[in-house]
């Protein structure tokens, strides 16, 4: 199992467009991915679930990866978030 924590820097947080793009990136991997924030944990491959977290700028999220490509998935998603969210 791999995981990382990230503090959101996007001024509007994880709203529709960033959430959709994040889910799109995560769906490229076979590993199960969860995202935790605001006291909830959801399947990061489901757009509506990610949006229900209501993550705003300055809040911390934790993403957890478990599966055959977890190391690659963790590195790629962390890179994507640092560049885009």
PDB file of N, CA and C in Angstrom:
ATOM      1  N   UNK A   1       0.845  -1.178   0.000  1.00  0.00           N
ATOM      2  CA  UNK A   1       0.000   0.000   0.000  1.00  0.00           C
ATOM      3  C   UNK A   1       0.889   1.239   0.000  1.00  0.00           C
ATOM      4  N   UNK A   2       0.559   2.185  -0.869  1.00  0.00           N
ATOM      5  CA  UNK A   2       1.267   3.457  -0.979  1.00  0.00           C
ATOM      6  C   UNK A   2       0.281   4.578  -0.650  1.00  0.00           C
ATOM      7  N   UNK A   3       0.783   5.672  -0.124  1.00  0.00           N
ATOM      8  CA  UNK A   3      -0.095   6.814   0.119  1.00  0.00           C
ATOM      9  C   UNK A   3       0.728   8.090   0.179  1.00  0.00           C
ATOM     10  N   UNK A   4       0.043   9.212   0.015  1.00  0.00           N
ATOM     11  CA  UNK A   4       0.676  10.506   0.205  1.00  0.00           C
ATOM     12  C   UNK A   4      -0.382  11.503   0.657  1.00  0.00           C
ATOM     13  N   UNK A   5       0.084  12.551   1.329  1.00  0.00           N
ATOM     14  CA  UNK A   5      -0.796  13.637   1.751  1.00  0.00           C
ATOM     15  C   UNK A   5      -0.438  14.860   0.920  1.00  0.00           C
ATOM     16  N   UNK A   6      -1.463  15.659   0.634  1.00  0.00           N
ATOM     17  CA  UNK A   6      -1.252  16.838  -0.188  1.00  0.00           C
ATOM     18  C   UNK A   6      -2.185  17.957   0.275  1.00  0.00           C
ATOM     19  N   UNK A   7      -1.648  19.161   0.374  1.00  0.00           N
ATOM     20  CA  UNK A   7      -2.452  20.330   0.726  1.00  0.00           C
ATOM     21  C   UNK A   7      -2.860  21.038  -0.564  1.00  0.00           C
ATOM     22  N   UNK A   8      -4.152  21.231  -0.741  1.00  0.00           N
ATOM     23  CA  UNK A   8      -4.709  21.800  -1.963  1.00  0.00           C
ATOM     24  C   UNK A   8      -4.289  23.262  -2.109  1.00  0.00           C
ATOM     25  N   UNK A   9      -3.762  23.614  -3.288  1.00  0.00           N
ATOM     26  CA  UNK A   9      -3.332  24.984  -3.548  1.00  0.00           C
ATOM     27  C   UNK A   9      -4.262  25.712  -4.517  1.00  0.00           C
ATOM     28  N   UNK A  10      -5.095  24.990  -5.250  1.00  0.00           N
ATOM     29  CA  UNK A  10      -6.029  25.618  -6.189  1.00  0.00           C
ATOM     30  C   UNK A  10      -6.968  26.536  -5.415  1.00  0.00           C
ATOM     31  N   UNK A  11      -7.128  27.794  -5.853  1.00  0.00           N
ATOM     32  CA  UNK A  11      -7.959  28.759  -5.118  1.00  0.00           C
ATOM     33  C   UNK A  11      -9.401  28.312  -4.881  1.00  0.00           C
ATOM     34  N   UNK A  12      -9.941  27.470  -5.747  1.00  0.00           N
ATOM     35  CA  UNK A  12     -11.324  27.028  -5.560  1.00  0.00           C
ATOM     36  C   UNK A  12     -11.418  25.589  -5.057  1.00  0.00           C
ATOM     37  N   UNK A  13     -10.291  24.987  -4.719  1.00  0.00           N
ATOM     38  CA  UNK A  13     -10.301  23.632  -4.187  1.00  0.00           C
ATOM     39  C   UNK A  13     -10.539  22.588  -5.263  1.00  0.00           C
ATOM     40  N   UNK A  14     -11.063  21.438  -4.844  1.00  0.00           N
ATOM     41  CA  UNK A  14     -11.345  20.367  -5.800  1.00  0.00           C
ATOM     42  C   UNK A  14     -12.806  20.493  -6.220  1.00  0.00           C
ATOM     43  N   UNK A  15     -13.053  21.382  -7.190  1.00  0.00           N
ATOM     44  CA  UNK A  15     -14.407  21.556  -7.721  1.00  0.00           C
ATOM     45  C   UNK A  15     -14.560  20.694  -8.972  1.00  0.00           C
ATOM     46  N   UNK A  16     -15.582  20.895  -9.752  1.00  0.00           N
ATOM     47  CA  UNK A  16     -15.945  20.003 -10.862  1.00  0.00           C
ATOM     48  C   UNK A  16     -14.811  19.694 -11.838  1.00  0.00           C
ATOM     49  N   UNK A  17     -14.213  20.700 -12.424  1.00  0.00           N
ATOM     50  CA  UNK A  17     -13.184  20.439 -13.446  1.00  0.00           C
ATOM     51  C   UNK A  17     -11.951  19.745 -12.860  1.00  0.00           C
ATOM     52  N   UNK A  18     -11.336  20.263 -11.774  1.00  0.00           N
ATOM     53  CA  UNK A  18     -10.175  19.561 -11.224  1.00  0.00           C
ATOM     54  C   UNK A  18     -10.518  18.149 -10.750  1.00  0.00           C
ATOM     55  N   UNK A  19     -11.695  17.981 -10.177  1.00  0.00           N
ATOM     56  CA  UNK A  19     -12.104  16.642  -9.718  1.00  0.00           C
ATOM     57  C   UNK A  19     -12.231  15.697 -10.907  1.00  0.00           C
ATOM     58  N   UNK A  20     -12.848  16.159 -11.986  1.00  0.00           N
ATOM     59  CA  UNK A  20     -13.007  15.335 -13.179  1.00  0.00           C
ATOM     60  C   UNK A  20     -11.675  14.937 -13.777  1.00  0.00           C
ATOM     61  N   UNK A  21     -10.753  15.894 -13.859  1.00  0.00           N
ATOM     62  CA  UNK A  21      -9.425  15.596 -14.401  1.00  0.00           C
ATOM     63  C   UNK A  21      -8.647  14.652 -13.498  1.00  0.00           C
ATOM     64  N   UNK A  22      -8.767  14.826 -12.183  1.00  0.00           N
ATOM     65  CA  UNK A  22      -8.095  13.939 -11.241  1.00  0.00           C
ATOM     66  C   UNK A  22      -8.619  12.512 -11.372  1.00  0.00           C
ATOM     67  N   UNK A  23      -9.923  12.360 -11.432  1.00  0.00           N
ATOM     68  CA  UNK A  23     -10.533  11.025 -11.574  1.00  0.00           C
ATOM     69  C   UNK A  23     -10.077  10.387 -12.884  1.00  0.00           C
ATOM     70  N   UNK A  24      -9.990  11.174 -13.936  1.00  0.00           N
ATOM     71  CA  UNK A  24      -9.547  10.664 -15.242  1.00  0.00           C
ATOM     72  C   UNK A  24      -8.127  10.097 -15.148  1.00  0.00           C
ATOM     73  N   UNK A  25      -7.240  10.809 -14.468  1.00  0.00           N
ATOM     74  CA  UNK A  25      -5.862  10.344 -14.288  1.00  0.00           C
ATOM     75  C   UNK A  25      -5.846   9.064 -13.453  1.00  0.00           C
ATOM     76  N   UNK A  26      -6.602   9.031 -12.358  1.00  0.00           N
ATOM     77  CA  UNK A  26      -6.615   7.882 -11.462  1.00  0.00           C
ATOM     78  C   UNK A  26      -7.172   6.640 -12.140  1.00  0.00           C
ATOM     79  N   UNK A  27      -8.163   6.813 -13.007  1.00  0.00           N
ATOM     80  CA  UNK A  27      -8.770   5.663 -13.692  1.00  0.00           C
ATOM     81  C   UNK A  27      -7.819   4.961 -14.649  1.00  0.00           C
ATOM     82  N   UNK A  28      -6.691   5.585 -14.978  1.00  0.00           N
ATOM     83  CA  UNK A  28      -5.702   4.964 -15.859  1.00  0.00           C
ATOM     84  C   UNK A  28      -4.990   3.791 -15.183  1.00  0.00           C
ATOM     85  N   UNK A  29      -5.133   3.673 -13.871  1.00  0.00           N
ATOM     86  CA  UNK A  29      -4.404   2.656 -13.114  1.00  0.00           C
ATOM     87  C   UNK A  29      -5.335   1.563 -12.605  1.00  0.00           C
ATOM     88  N   UNK A  30      -4.776   0.367 -12.467  1.00  0.00           N
ATOM     89  CA  UNK A  30      -5.558  -0.782 -12.011  1.00  0.00           C
ATOM     90  C   UNK A  30      -5.768  -0.777 -10.491  1.00  0.00           C
ATOM     91  N   UNK A  31      -4.895  -0.133  -9.773  1.00  0.00           N
ATOM     92  CA  UNK A  31      -4.968  -0.125  -8.308  1.00  0.00           C
ATOM     93  C   UNK A  31      -6.238   0.557  -7.805  1.00  0.00           C
ATOM     94  N   UNK A  32      -6.693   0.092  -6.643  1.00  0.00           N
ATOM     95  CA  UNK A  32      -7.797   0.752  -5.948  1.00  0.00           C
ATOM     96  C   UNK A  32      -7.225   2.014  -5.306  1.00  0.00           C
ATOM     97  N   UNK A  33      -7.946   3.126  -5.443  1.00  0.00           N
ATOM     98  CA  UNK A  33      -7.464   4.401  -4.912  1.00  0.00           C
ATOM     99  C   UNK A  33      -8.573   5.039  -4.085  1.00  0.00           C
ATOM    100  N   UNK A  34      -8.221   5.461  -2.880  1.00  0.00           N
ATOM    101  CA  UNK A  34      -9.178   6.193  -2.052  1.00  0.00           C
ATOM    102  C   UNK A  34      -8.599   7.568  -1.764  1.00  0.00           C
ATOM    103  N   UNK A  35      -9.504   8.522  -1.543  1.00  0.00           N
ATOM    104  CA  UNK A  35      -9.101   9.871  -1.162  1.00  0.00           C
ATOM    105  C   UNK A  35      -9.850  10.230   0.116  1.00  0.00           C
ATOM    106  N   UNK A  36      -9.106  10.782   1.071  1.00  0.00           N
ATOM    107  CA  UNK A  36      -9.682  11.137   2.367  1.00  0.00           C
ATOM    108  C   UNK A  36      -9.518  12.631   2.620  1.00  0.00           C
ATOM    109  N   UNK A  37     -10.584  13.224   3.145  1.00  0.00           N
ATOM    110  CA  UNK A  37     -10.551  14.637   3.502  1.00  0.00           C
ATOM    111  C   UNK A  37     -11.851  15.009   4.184  1.00  0.00           C
ATOM    112  N   UNK A  38     -11.812  16.013   5.026  1.00  0.00           N
ATOM    113  CA  UNK A  38     -13.006  16.461   5.762  1.00  0.00           C
ATOM    114  C   UNK A  38     -13.665  15.309   6.538  1.00  0.00           C
ATOM    115  N   UNK A  39     -12.862  14.387   7.035  1.00  0.00           N
ATOM    116  CA  UNK A  39     -13.394  13.299   7.848  1.00  0.00           C
ATOM    117  C   UNK A  39     -14.075  12.182   7.080  1.00  0.00           C
ATOM    118  N   UNK A  40     -13.961  12.200   5.742  1.00  0.00           N
ATOM    119  CA  UNK A  40     -14.577  11.155   4.919  1.00  0.00           C
ATOM    120  C   UNK A  40     -13.534  10.511   4.030  1.00  0.00           C
ATOM    121  N   UNK A  41     -13.795   9.257   3.645  1.00  0.00           N
ATOM    122  CA  UNK A  41     -12.949   8.545   2.700  1.00  0.00           C
ATOM    123  C   UNK A  41     -13.834   7.981   1.608  1.00  0.00           C
ATOM    124  N   UNK A  42     -13.451   8.239   0.339  1.00  0.00           N
ATOM    125  CA  UNK A  42     -14.265   7.794  -0.793  1.00  0.00           C
ATOM    126  C   UNK A  42     -13.384   7.172  -1.874  1.00  0.00           C
ATOM    127  N   UNK A  43     -14.037   6.472  -2.792  1.00  0.00           N
ATOM    128  CA  UNK A  43     -13.381   5.888  -3.957  1.00  0.00           C
ATOM    129  C   UNK A  43     -12.975   7.028  -4.888  1.00  0.00           C
ATOM    130  N   UNK A  44     -11.681   7.168  -5.144  1.00  0.00           N
ATOM    131  CA  UNK A  44     -11.186   8.278  -5.947  1.00  0.00           C
ATOM    132  C   UNK A  44     -11.450   8.100  -7.439  1.00  0.00           C
ATOM    133  N   UNK A  45     -12.012   6.972  -7.835  1.00  0.00           N
ATOM    134  CA  UNK A  45     -12.343   6.752  -9.244  1.00  0.00           C
ATOM    135  C   UNK A  45     -13.782   7.156  -9.557  1.00  0.00           C
ATOM    136  N   UNK A  46     -14.489   7.675  -8.571  1.00  0.00           N
ATOM    137  CA  UNK A  46     -15.887   8.083  -8.756  1.00  0.00           C
ATOM    138  C   UNK A  46     -16.004   9.594  -8.562  1.00  0.00           C
ATOM    139  N   UNK A  47     -16.289  10.289  -9.649  1.00  0.00           N
ATOM    140  CA  UNK A  47     -16.326  11.749  -9.643  1.00  0.00           C
ATOM    141  C   UNK A  47     -17.252  12.323  -8.579  1.00  0.00           C
ATOM    142  N   UNK A  48     -18.466  11.853  -8.519  1.00  0.00           N
ATOM    143  CA  UNK A  48     -19.422  12.410  -7.558  1.00  0.00           C
ATOM    144  C   UNK A  48     -18.959  12.181  -6.116  1.00  0.00           C
ATOM    145  N   UNK A  49     -18.332  11.051  -5.867  1.00  0.00           N
ATOM    146  CA  UNK A  49     -17.817  10.771  -4.518  1.00  0.00           C
ATOM    147  C   UNK A  49     -16.722  11.765  -4.147  1.00  0.00           C
ATOM    148  N   UNK A  50     -15.815  12.028  -5.082  1.00  0.00           N
ATOM    149  CA  UNK A  50     -14.724  12.974  -4.822  1.00  0.00           C
ATOM    150  C   UNK A  50     -15.297  14.367  -4.555  1.00  0.00           C
ATOM    151  N   UNK A  51     -16.293  14.761  -5.326  1.00  0.00           N
ATOM    152  CA  UNK A  51     -16.873  16.096  -5.148  1.00  0.00           C
ATOM    153  C   UNK A  51     -17.616  16.236  -3.819  1.00  0.00           C
ATOM    154  N   UNK A  52     -18.161  15.145  -3.289  1.00  0.00           N
ATOM    155  CA  UNK A  52     -18.880  15.231  -2.013  1.00  0.00           C
ATOM    156  C   UNK A  52     -17.958  15.553  -0.835  1.00  0.00           C
ATOM    157  N   UNK A  53     -16.658  15.408  -1.023  1.00  0.00           N
ATOM    158  CA  UNK A  53     -15.723  15.727   0.056  1.00  0.00           C
ATOM    159  C   UNK A  53     -15.683  17.230   0.348  1.00  0.00           C
ATOM    160  N   UNK A  54     -15.984  18.044  -0.643  1.00  0.00           N
ATOM    161  CA  UNK A  54     -15.997  19.496  -0.436  1.00  0.00           C
ATOM    162  C   UNK A  54     -14.646  20.063  -0.051  1.00  0.00           C
ATOM    163  N   UNK A  55     -13.591  19.612  -0.701  1.00  0.00           N
ATOM    164  CA  UNK A  55     -12.236  20.042  -0.355  1.00  0.00           C
ATOM    165  C   UNK A  55     -11.958  21.441  -0.896  1.00  0.00           C
ATOM    166  N   UNK A  56     -11.483  22.307  -0.026  1.00  0.00           N
ATOM    167  CA  UNK A  56     -11.192  23.706  -0.367  1.00  0.00           C
ATOM    168  C   UNK A  56      -9.679  23.957  -0.333  1.00  0.00           C
ATOM    169  N   UNK A  57      -9.288  25.110  -0.839  1.00  0.00           N
ATOM    170  CA  UNK A  57      -7.879  25.503  -0.806  1.00  0.00           C
ATOM    171  C   UNK A  57      -7.374  25.493   0.632  1.00  0.00           C
ATOM    172  N   UNK A  58      -6.166  24.970   0.816  1.00  0.00           N
ATOM    173  CA  UNK A  58      -5.545  24.934   2.133  1.00  0.00           C
ATOM    174  C   UNK A  58      -5.854  23.682   2.937  1.00  0.00           C
ATOM    175  N   UNK A  59      -6.817  22.886   2.476  1.00  0.00           N
ATOM    176  CA  UNK A  59      -7.142  21.660   3.189  1.00  0.00           C
ATOM    177  C   UNK A  59      -6.238  20.521   2.709  1.00  0.00           C
ATOM    178  N   UNK A  60      -6.005  19.575   3.605  1.00  0.00           N
ATOM    179  CA  UNK A  60      -5.148  18.432   3.283  1.00  0.00           C
ATOM    180  C   UNK A  60      -5.994  17.220   2.938  1.00  0.00           C
ATOM    181  N   UNK A  61      -5.564  16.495   1.912  1.00  0.00           N
ATOM    182  CA  UNK A  61      -6.187  15.236   1.537  1.00  0.00           C
ATOM    183  C   UNK A  61      -5.121  14.151   1.599  1.00  0.00           C
ATOM    184  N   UNK A  62      -5.569  12.924   1.754  1.00  0.00           N
ATOM    185  CA  UNK A  62      -4.655  11.784   1.695  1.00  0.00           C
ATOM    186  C   UNK A  62      -5.184  10.811   0.653  1.00  0.00           C
ATOM    187  N   UNK A  63      -4.316  10.407  -0.248  1.00  0.00           N
ATOM    188  CA  UNK A  63      -4.663   9.419  -1.258  1.00  0.00           C
ATOM    189  C   UNK A  63      -3.926   8.132  -0.948  1.00  0.00           C
ATOM    190  N   UNK A  64      -4.648   7.028  -1.025  1.00  0.00           N
ATOM    191  CA  UNK A  64      -4.087   5.710  -0.722  1.00  0.00           C
ATOM    192  C   UNK A  64      -4.276   4.810  -1.932  1.00  0.00           C
ATOM    193  N   UNK A  65      -3.234   4.087  -2.286  1.00  0.00           N
ATOM    194  CA  UNK A  65      -3.214   3.235  -3.470  1.00  0.00           C
ATOM    195  C   UNK A  65      -2.922   1.799  -3.051  1.00  0.00           C
ATOM    196  N   UNK A  66      -3.699   0.863  -3.595  1.00  0.00           N
ATOM    197  CA  UNK A  66      -3.461  -0.540  -3.280  1.00  0.00           C
ATOM    198  C   UNK A  66      -3.765  -1.379  -4.509  1.00  0.00           C
ATOM    199  N   UNK A  67      -2.735  -2.073  -4.999  1.00  0.00           N
ATOM    200  CA  UNK A  67      -2.931  -2.908  -6.168  1.00  0.00           C
ATOM    201  C   UNK A  67      -1.635  -3.139  -6.921  1.00  0.00           C
ATOM    202  N   UNK A  68      -1.743  -3.725  -8.114  1.00  0.00           N
ATOM    203  CA  UNK A  68      -0.554  -4.152  -8.856  1.00  0.00           C
ATOM    204  C   UNK A  68       0.342  -3.012  -9.341  1.00  0.00           C
ATOM    205  N   UNK A  69      -0.215  -1.834  -9.562  1.00  0.00           N
ATOM    206  CA  UNK A  69       0.597  -0.707 -10.041  1.00  0.00           C
ATOM    207  C   UNK A  69       0.597   0.458  -9.058  1.00  0.00           C
ATOM    208  N   UNK A  70       0.490   0.134  -7.764  1.00  0.00           N
ATOM    209  CA  UNK A  70       0.339   1.181  -6.751  1.00  0.00           C
ATOM    210  C   UNK A  70       1.496   2.171  -6.695  1.00  0.00           C
ATOM    211  N   UNK A  71       2.722   1.704  -6.880  1.00  0.00           N
ATOM    212  CA  UNK A  71       3.865   2.611  -6.804  1.00  0.00           C
ATOM    213  C   UNK A  71       3.846   3.620  -7.945  1.00  0.00           C
ATOM    214  N   UNK A  72       3.611   3.144  -9.153  1.00  0.00           N
ATOM    215  CA  UNK A  72       3.535   4.021 -10.318  1.00  0.00           C
ATOM    216  C   UNK A  72       2.359   4.969 -10.185  1.00  0.00           C
ATOM    217  N   UNK A  73       1.208   4.430  -9.789  1.00  0.00           N
ATOM    218  CA  UNK A  73       0.005   5.244  -9.645  1.00  0.00           C
ATOM    219  C   UNK A  73       0.225   6.349  -8.618  1.00  0.00           C
ATOM    220  N   UNK A  74       0.797   6.016  -7.493  1.00  0.00           N
ATOM    221  CA  UNK A  74       1.034   6.989  -6.430  1.00  0.00           C
ATOM    222  C   UNK A  74       1.936   8.111  -6.933  1.00  0.00           C
ATOM    223  N   UNK A  75       3.027   7.759  -7.591  1.00  0.00           N
ATOM    224  CA  UNK A  75       3.970   8.761  -8.090  1.00  0.00           C
ATOM    225  C   UNK A  75       3.325   9.658  -9.144  1.00  0.00           C
ATOM    226  N   UNK A  76       2.587   9.075 -10.074  1.00  0.00           N
ATOM    227  CA  UNK A  76       1.972   9.847 -11.150  1.00  0.00           C
ATOM    228  C   UNK A  76       0.866  10.774 -10.641  1.00  0.00           C
ATOM    229  N   UNK A  77       0.031  10.268  -9.742  1.00  0.00           N
ATOM    230  CA  UNK A  77      -1.060  11.086  -9.213  1.00  0.00           C
ATOM    231  C   UNK A  77      -0.505  12.212  -8.340  1.00  0.00           C
ATOM    232  N   UNK A  78       0.512  11.927  -7.552  1.00  0.00           N
ATOM    233  CA  UNK A  78       1.123  12.974  -6.736  1.00  0.00           C
ATOM    234  C   UNK A  78       1.720  14.058  -7.636  1.00  0.00           C
ATOM    235  N   UNK A  79       2.400  13.665  -8.701  1.00  0.00           N
ATOM    236  CA  UNK A  79       2.974  14.624  -9.651  1.00  0.00           C
ATOM    237  C   UNK A  79       1.863  15.468 -10.280  1.00  0.00           C
ATOM    238  N   UNK A  80       0.788  14.803 -10.697  1.00  0.00           N
ATOM    239  CA  UNK A  80      -0.331  15.515 -11.314  1.00  0.00           C
ATOM    240  C   UNK A  80      -0.934  16.543 -10.348  1.00  0.00           C
ATOM    241  N   UNK A  81      -1.132  16.143  -9.109  1.00  0.00           N
ATOM    242  CA  UNK A  81      -1.736  17.066  -8.138  1.00  0.00           C
ATOM    243  C   UNK A  81      -0.836  18.274  -7.870  1.00  0.00           C
ATOM    244  N   UNK A  82       0.453  18.048  -7.758  1.00  0.00           N
ATOM    245  CA  UNK A  82       1.379  19.156  -7.510  1.00  0.00           C
ATOM    246  C   UNK A  82       1.385  20.148  -8.664  1.00  0.00           C
ATOM    247  N   UNK A  83       1.185  19.658  -9.877  1.00  0.00           N
ATOM    248  CA  UNK A  83       1.205  20.524 -11.050  1.00  0.00           C
ATOM    249  C   UNK A  83      -0.131  21.202 -11.334  1.00  0.00           C
ATOM    250  N   UNK A  84      -1.247  20.610 -10.848  1.00  0.00           N
ATOM    251  CA  UNK A  84      -2.563  21.078 -11.277  1.00  0.00           C
ATOM    252  C   UNK A  84      -3.564  21.455 -10.193  1.00  0.00           C
ATOM    253  N   UNK A  85      -3.414  20.960  -8.997  1.00  0.00           N
ATOM    254  CA  UNK A  85      -4.461  21.196  -8.001  1.00  0.00           C
ATOM    255  C   UNK A  85      -3.847  21.914  -6.804  1.00  0.00           C
TER     256      UNK A  85
END
